Amino acid sequence: MRRLLLCSLLLAALPAFAGVYTYIDQDGNRVFTDQPKRSNAQRIELAPSNAMPPAPADQYNPYAPSPPPSPPQYQLLRILVPEPDATIRANNGEMIVSVSSDPTLLPGHSYRLLLDGKSVGEPGRSPVFPLHNVDRGTHQLSVEILDGQGRTLEQTPNQPFHMKRVSIAGNPNPAQPGLATIP
């Protein structure tokens, strides 16, 4: 029984000791084999393997499934009022800007309104921004969503609007403001 066990162990280990041999056959072709059955077969010494040990489990594994990419936090961010290229007629320069996001503002996030690229007021959670004394002319509005550290997460493209205010600069009689022209 011990002899049978020893023989089976030796046979199992035999492939580990197998070598590579080469010889030239009768047609002149070089042949590689693991069996030295030819008299002219020569054993080839192979260089050690360049196999690397497996990486620890906590290192990057290119075959491990990657986590799904995180979806954008906001699917939609837009300015509702005023509409793009709208004309606002307000002699005092006051207007309301209203924004919308989908999903609604997440905890810790805030809106910031930009008028001509400059922040207007403090960032806040309200989607309604009152503006006061906006100058005559064409302006650009944009809104941002900021995270708790003040980093911009989302931003709308610039959206133009036109503020029309009565001007008395071209009026020949300032005592009669009704004669002023509206450019």
N, C-alpha and C. Protein backbone atom coordinates (compact mmCIF):
# COMPACT_ATOMS: atom_id res chain seq x y z
N MET A 1 0.82 -1.19 0.00
CA MET A 1 0.00 0.00 0.00
C MET A 1 0.87 1.26 0.00
N ARG A 2 1.94 1.23 0.80
CA ARG A 2 2.84 2.38 0.85
C ARG A 2 3.53 2.56 -0.48
N ARG A 3 3.84 1.45 -1.13
CA ARG A 3 4.52 1.52 -2.42
C ARG A 3 3.60 2.14 -3.47
N LEU A 4 2.35 1.78 -3.46
CA LEU A 4 1.38 2.34 -4.39
C LEU A 4 1.21 3.84 -4.16
N LEU A 5 1.16 4.26 -2.91
CA LEU A 5 1.03 5.66 -2.57
C LEU A 5 2.27 6.44 -3.03
N LEU A 6 3.45 5.87 -2.85
CA LEU A 6 4.68 6.52 -3.27
C LEU A 6 4.73 6.67 -4.79
N CYS A 7 4.32 5.62 -5.50
CA CYS A 7 4.30 5.67 -6.97
C CYS A 7 3.31 6.72 -7.48
N SER A 8 2.16 6.78 -6.87
CA SER A 8 1.17 7.77 -7.32
C SER A 8 1.66 9.18 -7.05
N LEU A 9 2.35 9.39 -5.93
CA LEU A 9 2.90 10.71 -5.65
C LEU A 9 3.98 11.08 -6.67
N LEU A 10 4.84 10.12 -7.02
CA LEU A 10 5.88 10.39 -8.01
C LEU A 10 5.28 10.68 -9.39
N LEU A 11 4.26 9.93 -9.76
CA LEU A 11 3.61 10.17 -11.05
C LEU A 11 2.92 11.53 -11.08
N ALA A 12 2.35 11.94 -9.96
CA ALA A 12 1.69 13.24 -9.89
C ALA A 12 2.71 14.37 -10.00
N ALA A 13 3.92 14.16 -9.46
CA ALA A 13 4.95 15.20 -9.49
C ALA A 13 5.76 15.17 -10.78
N LEU A 14 5.61 14.15 -11.62
CA LEU A 14 6.40 14.01 -12.84
C LEU A 14 6.27 15.20 -13.80
N PRO A 15 5.07 15.76 -14.03
CA PRO A 15 5.01 16.90 -14.93
C PRO A 15 5.82 18.10 -14.44
N ALA A 16 6.01 18.22 -13.14
CA ALA A 16 6.80 19.33 -12.61
C ALA A 16 8.27 19.18 -12.98
N PHE A 17 8.75 17.94 -13.17
CA PHE A 17 10.14 17.69 -13.51
C PHE A 17 10.35 17.51 -15.00
N ALA A 18 9.26 17.58 -15.77
CA ALA A 18 9.38 17.36 -17.21
C ALA A 18 10.18 18.49 -17.82
N GLY A 19 10.99 18.17 -18.84
CA GLY A 19 11.80 19.15 -19.51
C GLY A 19 11.28 19.36 -20.93
N VAL A 20 11.94 20.28 -21.63
CA VAL A 20 11.61 20.54 -23.02
C VAL A 20 12.80 20.09 -23.84
N TYR A 21 12.49 19.34 -24.91
CA TYR A 21 13.53 18.79 -25.78
C TYR A 21 13.26 19.25 -27.20
N THR A 22 14.36 19.28 -27.96
CA THR A 22 14.23 19.64 -29.37
C THR A 22 15.10 18.71 -30.21
N TYR A 23 14.66 18.51 -31.43
CA TYR A 23 15.44 17.73 -32.38
C TYR A 23 15.01 18.12 -33.78
N ILE A 24 15.77 17.69 -34.78
CA ILE A 24 15.47 17.93 -36.19
C ILE A 24 14.90 16.63 -36.76
N ASP A 25 13.70 16.71 -37.33
CA ASP A 25 13.08 15.48 -37.90
C ASP A 25 13.65 15.20 -39.29
N GLN A 26 13.17 14.10 -39.94
CA GLN A 26 13.70 13.65 -41.23
C GLN A 26 13.46 14.66 -42.35
N ASP A 27 12.48 15.60 -42.17
CA ASP A 27 12.22 16.60 -43.20
C ASP A 27 12.99 17.90 -42.95
N GLY A 28 13.80 17.93 -41.89
CA GLY A 28 14.60 19.12 -41.60
C GLY A 28 13.88 20.15 -40.74
N ASN A 29 12.75 19.79 -40.19
CA ASN A 29 11.99 20.72 -39.34
C ASN A 29 12.41 20.56 -37.89
N ARG A 30 12.51 21.68 -37.18
CA ARG A 30 12.82 21.63 -35.75
C ARG A 30 11.54 21.26 -35.01
N VAL A 31 11.65 20.32 -34.10
CA VAL A 31 10.51 19.82 -33.32
C VAL A 31 10.81 20.04 -31.85
N PHE A 32 9.80 20.54 -31.13
CA PHE A 32 9.89 20.70 -29.68
C PHE A 32 8.95 19.71 -29.04
N THR A 33 9.41 19.09 -27.96
CA THR A 33 8.60 18.08 -27.29
C THR A 33 8.98 18.00 -25.82
N ASP A 34 8.14 17.30 -25.05
CA ASP A 34 8.47 17.07 -23.65
C ASP A 34 8.95 15.64 -23.42
N GLN A 35 9.16 14.89 -24.51
CA GLN A 35 9.60 13.50 -24.39
C GLN A 35 10.90 13.30 -25.17
N PRO A 36 11.94 12.85 -24.50
CA PRO A 36 13.23 12.65 -25.16
C PRO A 36 13.32 11.30 -25.85
N LYS A 37 12.47 11.03 -26.82
CA LYS A 37 12.46 9.70 -27.43
C LYS A 37 13.45 9.57 -28.58
N ARG A 38 13.97 10.63 -29.09
CA ARG A 38 14.95 10.59 -30.17
C ARG A 38 16.36 10.57 -29.59
N SER A 39 17.22 9.96 -30.30
CA SER A 39 18.61 9.92 -29.84
C SER A 39 19.30 11.27 -30.03
N ASN A 40 18.86 12.03 -31.04
CA ASN A 40 19.46 13.33 -31.26
C ASN A 40 18.72 14.46 -30.54
N ALA A 41 17.76 14.17 -29.65
CA ALA A 41 17.00 15.18 -28.91
C ALA A 41 17.91 15.81 -27.86
N GLN A 42 17.82 17.13 -27.77
CA GLN A 42 18.63 17.86 -26.80
C GLN A 42 17.69 18.58 -25.83
N ARG A 43 18.08 18.55 -24.59
CA ARG A 43 17.29 19.20 -23.55
C ARG A 43 17.54 20.72 -23.63
N ILE A 44 16.47 21.51 -23.52
CA ILE A 44 16.57 22.97 -23.54
C ILE A 44 16.37 23.46 -22.12
N GLU A 45 17.30 24.29 -21.66
CA GLU A 45 17.16 24.87 -20.34
C GLU A 45 16.33 26.15 -20.48
N LEU A 46 15.24 26.19 -19.80
CA LEU A 46 14.35 27.35 -19.86
C LEU A 46 14.69 28.35 -18.77
N ALA A 47 14.53 29.62 -19.10
CA ALA A 47 14.74 30.68 -18.12
C ALA A 47 13.64 30.58 -17.06
N PRO A 48 13.92 31.06 -15.88
CA PRO A 48 12.88 31.00 -14.84
C PRO A 48 11.65 31.81 -15.29
N SER A 49 10.52 31.39 -14.81
CA SER A 49 9.26 32.04 -15.14
C SER A 49 9.24 33.47 -14.60
N ASN A 50 8.57 34.36 -15.32
CA ASN A 50 8.45 35.73 -14.84
C ASN A 50 7.08 35.97 -14.22
N ALA A 51 6.45 34.92 -13.74
CA ALA A 51 5.14 35.04 -13.11
C ALA A 51 5.27 35.86 -11.84
N MET A 52 4.23 36.67 -11.58
CA MET A 52 4.22 37.51 -10.39
C MET A 52 3.29 36.89 -9.36
N PRO A 53 3.59 37.12 -8.12
CA PRO A 53 2.67 36.60 -7.10
C PRO A 53 1.34 37.35 -7.19
N PRO A 54 0.27 36.72 -6.77
CA PRO A 54 -1.02 37.41 -6.85
C PRO A 54 -1.04 38.65 -5.96
N ALA A 55 -1.77 39.65 -6.40
CA ALA A 55 -1.88 40.89 -5.65
C ALA A 55 -2.75 40.67 -4.41
N PRO A 56 -2.44 41.39 -3.34
CA PRO A 56 -3.31 41.28 -2.17
C PRO A 56 -4.74 41.68 -2.52
N ALA A 57 -5.67 41.19 -1.76
CA ALA A 57 -7.09 41.40 -2.06
C ALA A 57 -7.48 42.86 -2.00
N ASP A 58 -6.75 43.69 -1.25
CA ASP A 58 -7.14 45.09 -1.12
C ASP A 58 -6.60 45.97 -2.25
N GLN A 59 -5.81 45.40 -3.17
CA GLN A 59 -5.30 46.19 -4.29
C GLN A 59 -6.24 46.12 -5.47
N TYR A 60 -5.99 46.99 -6.46
CA TYR A 60 -6.83 47.06 -7.65
C TYR A 60 -6.81 45.75 -8.41
N ASN A 61 -7.96 45.28 -8.79
CA ASN A 61 -8.10 44.08 -9.60
C ASN A 61 -8.84 44.46 -10.88
N PRO A 62 -8.16 44.39 -12.05
CA PRO A 62 -8.83 44.83 -13.28
C PRO A 62 -10.01 43.94 -13.67
N TYR A 63 -10.08 42.75 -13.12
CA TYR A 63 -11.16 41.84 -13.48
C TYR A 63 -12.34 41.93 -12.51
N ALA A 64 -12.13 42.65 -11.42
CA ALA A 64 -13.23 42.81 -10.46
C ALA A 64 -14.25 43.77 -11.06
N PRO A 65 -15.51 43.53 -10.83
CA PRO A 65 -16.52 44.44 -11.38
C PRO A 65 -16.36 45.83 -10.76
N SER A 66 -16.39 46.84 -11.60
CA SER A 66 -16.23 48.20 -11.09
C SER A 66 -17.59 48.69 -10.58
N PRO A 67 -17.54 49.58 -9.62
CA PRO A 67 -18.81 50.10 -9.12
C PRO A 67 -19.48 50.91 -10.22
N PRO A 68 -20.79 50.89 -10.25
CA PRO A 68 -21.47 51.64 -11.31
C PRO A 68 -21.18 53.13 -11.17
N PRO A 69 -21.08 53.84 -12.28
CA PRO A 69 -20.81 55.27 -12.17
C PRO A 69 -21.96 55.97 -11.47
N SER A 70 -21.60 56.96 -10.66
CA SER A 70 -22.66 57.66 -9.94
C SER A 70 -23.41 58.56 -10.91
N PRO A 71 -24.71 58.49 -10.89
CA PRO A 71 -25.48 59.33 -11.82
C PRO A 71 -25.32 60.79 -11.43
N PRO A 72 -25.50 61.67 -12.38
CA PRO A 72 -25.45 63.09 -12.00
C PRO A 72 -26.50 63.36 -10.93
N GLN A 73 -26.14 64.23 -9.99
CA GLN A 73 -27.07 64.47 -8.90
C GLN A 73 -28.32 65.20 -9.37
N TYR A 74 -28.15 66.08 -10.36
CA TYR A 74 -29.29 66.86 -10.84
C TYR A 74 -29.49 66.58 -12.33
N GLN A 75 -30.69 66.19 -12.67
CA GLN A 75 -31.03 65.90 -14.06
C GLN A 75 -31.37 67.17 -14.82
N LEU A 76 -31.86 68.18 -14.11
CA LEU A 76 -32.33 69.40 -14.76
C LEU A 76 -32.10 70.59 -13.83
N LEU A 77 -31.59 71.67 -14.41
CA LEU A 77 -31.45 72.94 -13.72
C LEU A 77 -31.74 74.01 -14.75
N ARG A 78 -32.74 74.86 -14.47
CA ARG A 78 -33.09 75.89 -15.45
C ARG A 78 -33.69 77.11 -14.77
N ILE A 79 -33.65 78.20 -15.53
CA ILE A 79 -34.29 79.44 -15.09
C ILE A 79 -35.68 79.47 -15.70
N LEU A 80 -36.69 79.56 -14.85
CA LEU A 80 -38.07 79.58 -15.33
C LEU A 80 -38.51 80.98 -15.71
N VAL A 81 -38.21 81.95 -14.84
CA VAL A 81 -38.61 83.34 -15.06
C VAL A 81 -37.39 84.21 -14.82
N PRO A 82 -37.04 85.08 -15.71
CA PRO A 82 -37.67 85.39 -16.99
C PRO A 82 -37.27 84.36 -18.05
N GLU A 83 -38.08 84.27 -19.07
CA GLU A 83 -37.76 83.38 -20.17
C GLU A 83 -36.56 83.92 -20.94
N PRO A 84 -35.88 83.08 -21.69
CA PRO A 84 -34.72 83.56 -22.45
C PRO A 84 -35.09 84.70 -23.39
N ASP A 85 -34.27 85.73 -23.43
CA ASP A 85 -34.41 86.88 -24.31
C ASP A 85 -35.67 87.70 -24.01
N ALA A 86 -36.18 87.60 -22.79
CA ALA A 86 -37.39 88.33 -22.40
C ALA A 86 -37.06 89.81 -22.21
N THR A 87 -38.07 90.63 -22.40
CA THR A 87 -37.96 92.07 -22.14
C THR A 87 -38.76 92.38 -20.90
N ILE A 88 -38.10 92.95 -19.91
CA ILE A 88 -38.73 93.31 -18.64
C ILE A 88 -38.89 94.83 -18.63
N ARG A 89 -40.12 95.30 -18.46
CA ARG A 89 -40.38 96.74 -18.36
C ARG A 89 -40.67 97.07 -16.90
N ALA A 90 -39.67 97.69 -16.25
CA ALA A 90 -39.82 98.06 -14.85
C ALA A 90 -39.01 99.34 -14.61
N ASN A 91 -39.71 100.45 -14.38
CA ASN A 91 -39.02 101.72 -14.20
C ASN A 91 -38.13 101.75 -12.96
N ASN A 92 -38.46 100.94 -11.97
CA ASN A 92 -37.62 100.89 -10.77
C ASN A 92 -36.53 99.82 -10.88
N GLY A 93 -36.52 99.04 -11.97
CA GLY A 93 -35.49 98.02 -12.18
C GLY A 93 -35.67 96.79 -11.32
N GLU A 94 -36.87 96.56 -10.80
CA GLU A 94 -37.11 95.39 -9.96
C GLU A 94 -37.70 94.25 -10.78
N MET A 95 -37.30 93.06 -10.42
CA MET A 95 -37.81 91.86 -11.10
C MET A 95 -37.59 90.64 -10.20
N ILE A 96 -38.23 89.55 -10.56
CA ILE A 96 -38.12 88.29 -9.83
C ILE A 96 -37.51 87.26 -10.78
N VAL A 97 -36.54 86.50 -10.28
CA VAL A 97 -35.96 85.38 -11.03
C VAL A 97 -36.37 84.11 -10.30
N SER A 98 -36.89 83.16 -11.05
CA SER A 98 -37.32 81.89 -10.47
C SER A 98 -36.59 80.76 -11.18
N VAL A 99 -36.09 79.79 -10.40
CA VAL A 99 -35.33 78.66 -10.96
C VAL A 99 -35.98 77.34 -10.53
N SER A 100 -35.60 76.28 -11.22
CA SER A 100 -36.13 74.96 -10.92
C SER A 100 -35.03 73.93 -11.13
N SER A 101 -35.04 72.89 -10.30
CA SER A 101 -34.09 71.79 -10.47
C SER A 101 -34.83 70.47 -10.27
N ASP A 102 -34.31 69.45 -10.90
CA ASP A 102 -34.87 68.10 -10.75
C ASP A 102 -33.72 67.15 -10.49
N PRO A 103 -33.66 66.53 -9.33
CA PRO A 103 -34.59 66.62 -8.21
C PRO A 103 -34.49 67.98 -7.53
N THR A 104 -35.41 68.21 -6.60
CA THR A 104 -35.35 69.46 -5.85
C THR A 104 -34.02 69.52 -5.12
N LEU A 105 -33.69 70.66 -4.61
CA LEU A 105 -32.40 70.88 -3.98
C LEU A 105 -32.15 69.85 -2.88
N LEU A 106 -30.99 69.18 -2.94
CA LEU A 106 -30.63 68.16 -1.97
C LEU A 106 -30.13 68.81 -0.67
N PRO A 107 -30.18 68.09 0.46
CA PRO A 107 -29.72 68.66 1.73
C PRO A 107 -28.26 69.11 1.63
N GLY A 108 -27.98 70.27 2.19
CA GLY A 108 -26.62 70.80 2.18
C GLY A 108 -26.26 71.57 0.93
N HIS A 109 -27.14 71.59 -0.07
CA HIS A 109 -26.88 72.31 -1.31
C HIS A 109 -27.64 73.63 -1.31
N SER A 110 -27.19 74.57 -2.16
CA SER A 110 -27.86 75.87 -2.24
C SER A 110 -27.78 76.40 -3.67
N TYR A 111 -28.68 77.35 -3.95
CA TYR A 111 -28.69 78.04 -5.24
C TYR A 111 -27.89 79.33 -5.12
N ARG A 112 -27.23 79.71 -6.22
CA ARG A 112 -26.57 81.02 -6.29
C ARG A 112 -26.91 81.63 -7.65
N LEU A 113 -27.42 82.85 -7.63
CA LEU A 113 -27.78 83.55 -8.86
C LEU A 113 -26.62 84.42 -9.31
N LEU A 114 -26.33 84.38 -10.61
CA LEU A 114 -25.29 85.21 -11.20
C LEU A 114 -25.94 86.16 -12.19
N LEU A 115 -25.67 87.45 -12.04
CA LEU A 115 -26.15 88.48 -12.96
C LEU A 115 -24.91 89.07 -13.62
N ASP A 116 -24.82 88.90 -14.93
CA ASP A 116 -23.65 89.34 -15.69
C ASP A 116 -22.35 88.75 -15.12
N GLY A 117 -22.43 87.49 -14.70
CA GLY A 117 -21.25 86.77 -14.21
C GLY A 117 -20.88 87.05 -12.76
N LYS A 118 -21.63 87.91 -12.06
CA LYS A 118 -21.33 88.25 -10.68
C LYS A 118 -22.44 87.75 -9.77
N SER A 119 -22.03 87.22 -8.62
CA SER A 119 -22.99 86.69 -7.66
C SER A 119 -23.89 87.80 -7.14
N VAL A 120 -25.19 87.49 -7.04
CA VAL A 120 -26.18 88.44 -6.53
C VAL A 120 -26.69 87.88 -5.22
N GLY A 121 -26.40 88.58 -4.12
CA GLY A 121 -26.86 88.12 -2.81
C GLY A 121 -26.09 86.90 -2.35
N GLU A 122 -26.58 86.33 -1.28
CA GLU A 122 -25.97 85.15 -0.68
C GLU A 122 -26.62 83.88 -1.25
N PRO A 123 -25.85 82.80 -1.41
CA PRO A 123 -26.47 81.53 -1.83
C PRO A 123 -27.51 81.10 -0.80
N GLY A 124 -28.57 80.47 -1.27
CA GLY A 124 -29.62 80.02 -0.36
C GLY A 124 -30.44 78.89 -0.94
N ARG A 125 -31.37 78.42 -0.19
CA ARG A 125 -32.19 77.27 -0.59
C ARG A 125 -33.43 77.70 -1.38
N SER A 126 -33.75 78.98 -1.38
CA SER A 126 -34.94 79.45 -2.08
C SER A 126 -34.69 79.50 -3.58
N PRO A 127 -35.65 79.00 -4.38
CA PRO A 127 -35.50 79.07 -5.83
C PRO A 127 -36.01 80.38 -6.42
N VAL A 128 -36.32 81.37 -5.57
CA VAL A 128 -36.83 82.67 -6.02
C VAL A 128 -35.85 83.75 -5.57
N PHE A 129 -35.46 84.59 -6.54
CA PHE A 129 -34.49 85.66 -6.28
C PHE A 129 -35.09 87.00 -6.66
N PRO A 130 -35.33 87.89 -5.71
CA PRO A 130 -35.78 89.25 -6.07
C PRO A 130 -34.55 90.09 -6.44
N LEU A 131 -34.64 90.82 -7.53
CA LEU A 131 -33.57 91.72 -7.95
C LEU A 131 -34.08 93.15 -7.88
N HIS A 132 -33.23 94.08 -7.45
CA HIS A 132 -33.60 95.47 -7.27
C HIS A 132 -32.65 96.37 -8.07
N ASN A 133 -33.22 97.40 -8.65
CA ASN A 133 -32.45 98.44 -9.33
C ASN A 133 -31.52 97.88 -10.41
N VAL A 134 -32.03 96.99 -11.22
CA VAL A 134 -31.25 96.45 -12.34
C VAL A 134 -31.15 97.54 -13.40
N ASP A 135 -29.95 97.79 -13.88
CA ASP A 135 -29.73 98.84 -14.88
C ASP A 135 -30.42 98.51 -16.19
N ARG A 136 -30.68 99.59 -16.97
CA ARG A 136 -31.24 99.42 -18.31
C ARG A 136 -30.25 98.64 -19.15
N GLY A 137 -30.78 97.89 -20.12
CA GLY A 137 -29.92 97.22 -21.08
C GLY A 137 -30.08 95.71 -21.05
N THR A 138 -29.20 95.06 -21.79
CA THR A 138 -29.21 93.59 -21.88
C THR A 138 -28.29 93.01 -20.82
N HIS A 139 -28.77 91.98 -20.15
CA HIS A 139 -28.02 91.33 -19.08
C HIS A 139 -28.04 89.82 -19.30
N GLN A 140 -27.15 89.14 -18.59
CA GLN A 140 -27.05 87.67 -18.63
C GLN A 140 -27.35 87.12 -17.24
N LEU A 141 -28.23 86.12 -17.18
CA LEU A 141 -28.54 85.43 -15.92
C LEU A 141 -28.01 84.00 -15.99
N SER A 142 -27.58 83.50 -14.85
CA SER A 142 -27.18 82.11 -14.73
C SER A 142 -27.41 81.71 -13.28
N VAL A 143 -27.67 80.45 -13.05
CA VAL A 143 -27.85 79.97 -11.68
C VAL A 143 -26.95 78.75 -11.48
N GLU A 144 -26.41 78.64 -10.27
CA GLU A 144 -25.55 77.52 -9.91
C GLU A 144 -26.15 76.78 -8.72
N ILE A 145 -25.80 75.49 -8.63
CA ILE A 145 -26.09 74.72 -7.42
C ILE A 145 -24.73 74.47 -6.77
N LEU A 146 -24.64 74.86 -5.50
CA LEU A 146 -23.40 74.72 -4.74
C LEU A 146 -23.54 73.62 -3.70
N ASP A 147 -22.43 72.91 -3.43
CA ASP A 147 -22.46 71.92 -2.35
C ASP A 147 -22.14 72.62 -1.03
N GLY A 148 -22.03 71.88 0.04
CA GLY A 148 -21.80 72.45 1.36
C GLY A 148 -20.48 73.19 1.49
N GLN A 149 -19.49 72.87 0.64
CA GLN A 149 -18.19 73.54 0.67
C GLN A 149 -18.12 74.72 -0.30
N GLY A 150 -19.24 75.02 -0.97
CA GLY A 150 -19.27 76.14 -1.89
C GLY A 150 -18.77 75.80 -3.29
N ARG A 151 -18.60 74.54 -3.60
CA ARG A 151 -18.16 74.13 -4.93
C ARG A 151 -19.37 74.04 -5.85
N THR A 152 -19.18 74.45 -7.11
CA THR A 152 -20.27 74.42 -8.09
C THR A 152 -20.49 72.99 -8.56
N LEU A 153 -21.72 72.51 -8.39
CA LEU A 153 -22.08 71.17 -8.86
C LEU A 153 -22.72 71.21 -10.23
N GLU A 154 -23.59 72.18 -10.44
CA GLU A 154 -24.30 72.35 -11.71
C GLU A 154 -24.40 73.84 -11.99
N GLN A 155 -24.47 74.20 -13.28
CA GLN A 155 -24.66 75.60 -13.65
C GLN A 155 -25.40 75.66 -14.98
N THR A 156 -26.33 76.61 -15.06
CA THR A 156 -27.05 76.81 -16.31
C THR A 156 -26.18 77.66 -17.24
N PRO A 157 -26.42 77.54 -18.54
CA PRO A 157 -25.74 78.48 -19.44
C PRO A 157 -26.30 79.89 -19.24
N ASN A 158 -25.55 80.89 -19.69
CA ASN A 158 -26.04 82.27 -19.59
C ASN A 158 -27.32 82.43 -20.39
N GLN A 159 -28.26 83.14 -19.81
CA GLN A 159 -29.55 83.37 -20.45
C GLN A 159 -29.79 84.88 -20.50
N PRO A 160 -29.94 85.46 -21.70
CA PRO A 160 -30.09 86.91 -21.79
C PRO A 160 -31.51 87.38 -21.45
N PHE A 161 -31.59 88.62 -20.95
CA PHE A 161 -32.87 89.30 -20.81
C PHE A 161 -32.58 90.80 -20.99
N HIS A 162 -33.62 91.56 -21.25
CA HIS A 162 -33.48 92.98 -21.53
C HIS A 162 -34.31 93.78 -20.53
N MET A 163 -33.66 94.70 -19.84
CA MET A 163 -34.35 95.55 -18.87
C MET A 163 -34.64 96.89 -19.54
N LYS A 164 -35.94 97.26 -19.59
CA LYS A 164 -36.39 98.54 -20.15
C LYS A 164 -36.84 99.43 -19.00
N ARG A 165 -36.21 100.60 -18.88
CA ARG A 165 -36.57 101.58 -17.85
C ARG A 165 -36.73 102.94 -18.52
N VAL A 166 -37.64 103.73 -18.02
CA VAL A 166 -37.84 105.07 -18.56
C VAL A 166 -36.59 105.89 -18.25
N SER A 167 -36.14 106.62 -19.24
CA SER A 167 -34.99 107.48 -19.06
C SER A 167 -35.41 108.93 -19.26
N ILE A 168 -34.99 109.78 -18.35
CA ILE A 168 -35.28 111.21 -18.52
C ILE A 168 -34.08 111.91 -19.14
N ALA A 169 -33.04 111.16 -19.48
CA ALA A 169 -31.84 111.77 -20.05
C ALA A 169 -32.14 112.42 -21.39
N GLY A 170 -33.00 111.84 -22.21
CA GLY A 170 -33.30 112.40 -23.52
C GLY A 170 -34.54 113.26 -23.53
N ASN A 171 -35.15 113.51 -22.37
CA ASN A 171 -36.38 114.29 -22.28
C ASN A 171 -36.05 115.78 -22.25
N PRO A 172 -36.57 116.58 -23.20
CA PRO A 172 -36.28 118.02 -23.19
C PRO A 172 -36.91 118.73 -22.00
N ASN A 173 -37.95 118.15 -21.38
CA ASN A 173 -38.63 118.79 -20.27
C ASN A 173 -38.70 117.79 -19.11
N PRO A 174 -37.69 117.76 -18.19
CA PRO A 174 -37.69 116.80 -17.09
C PRO A 174 -38.89 116.94 -16.17
N ALA A 175 -39.59 118.06 -16.22
CA ALA A 175 -40.76 118.24 -15.36
C ALA A 175 -41.92 117.38 -15.85
N GLN A 176 -41.86 116.92 -17.09
CA GLN A 176 -42.91 116.07 -17.64
C GLN A 176 -42.31 114.70 -18.00
N PRO A 177 -42.17 113.78 -17.01
CA PRO A 177 -41.54 112.49 -17.28
C PRO A 177 -42.32 111.63 -18.25
N GLY A 178 -43.56 111.94 -18.52
CA GLY A 178 -44.33 111.14 -19.46
C GLY A 178 -43.87 111.31 -20.90
N LEU A 179 -43.08 112.35 -21.15
CA LEU A 179 -42.59 112.58 -22.50
C LEU A 179 -41.30 111.83 -22.79
N ALA A 180 -40.79 111.10 -21.79
CA ALA A 180 -39.54 110.38 -21.98
C ALA A 180 -39.73 109.25 -22.99
N THR A 181 -38.68 108.94 -23.66
CA THR A 181 -38.72 107.85 -24.64
C THR A 181 -38.21 106.58 -23.99
N ILE A 182 -38.74 105.49 -24.41
CA ILE A 182 -38.27 104.18 -23.92
C ILE A 182 -37.45 103.57 -25.03
N PRO A 183 -36.14 103.43 -24.83
CA PRO A 183 -35.30 102.87 -25.88
C PRO A 183 -35.59 101.41 -26.13
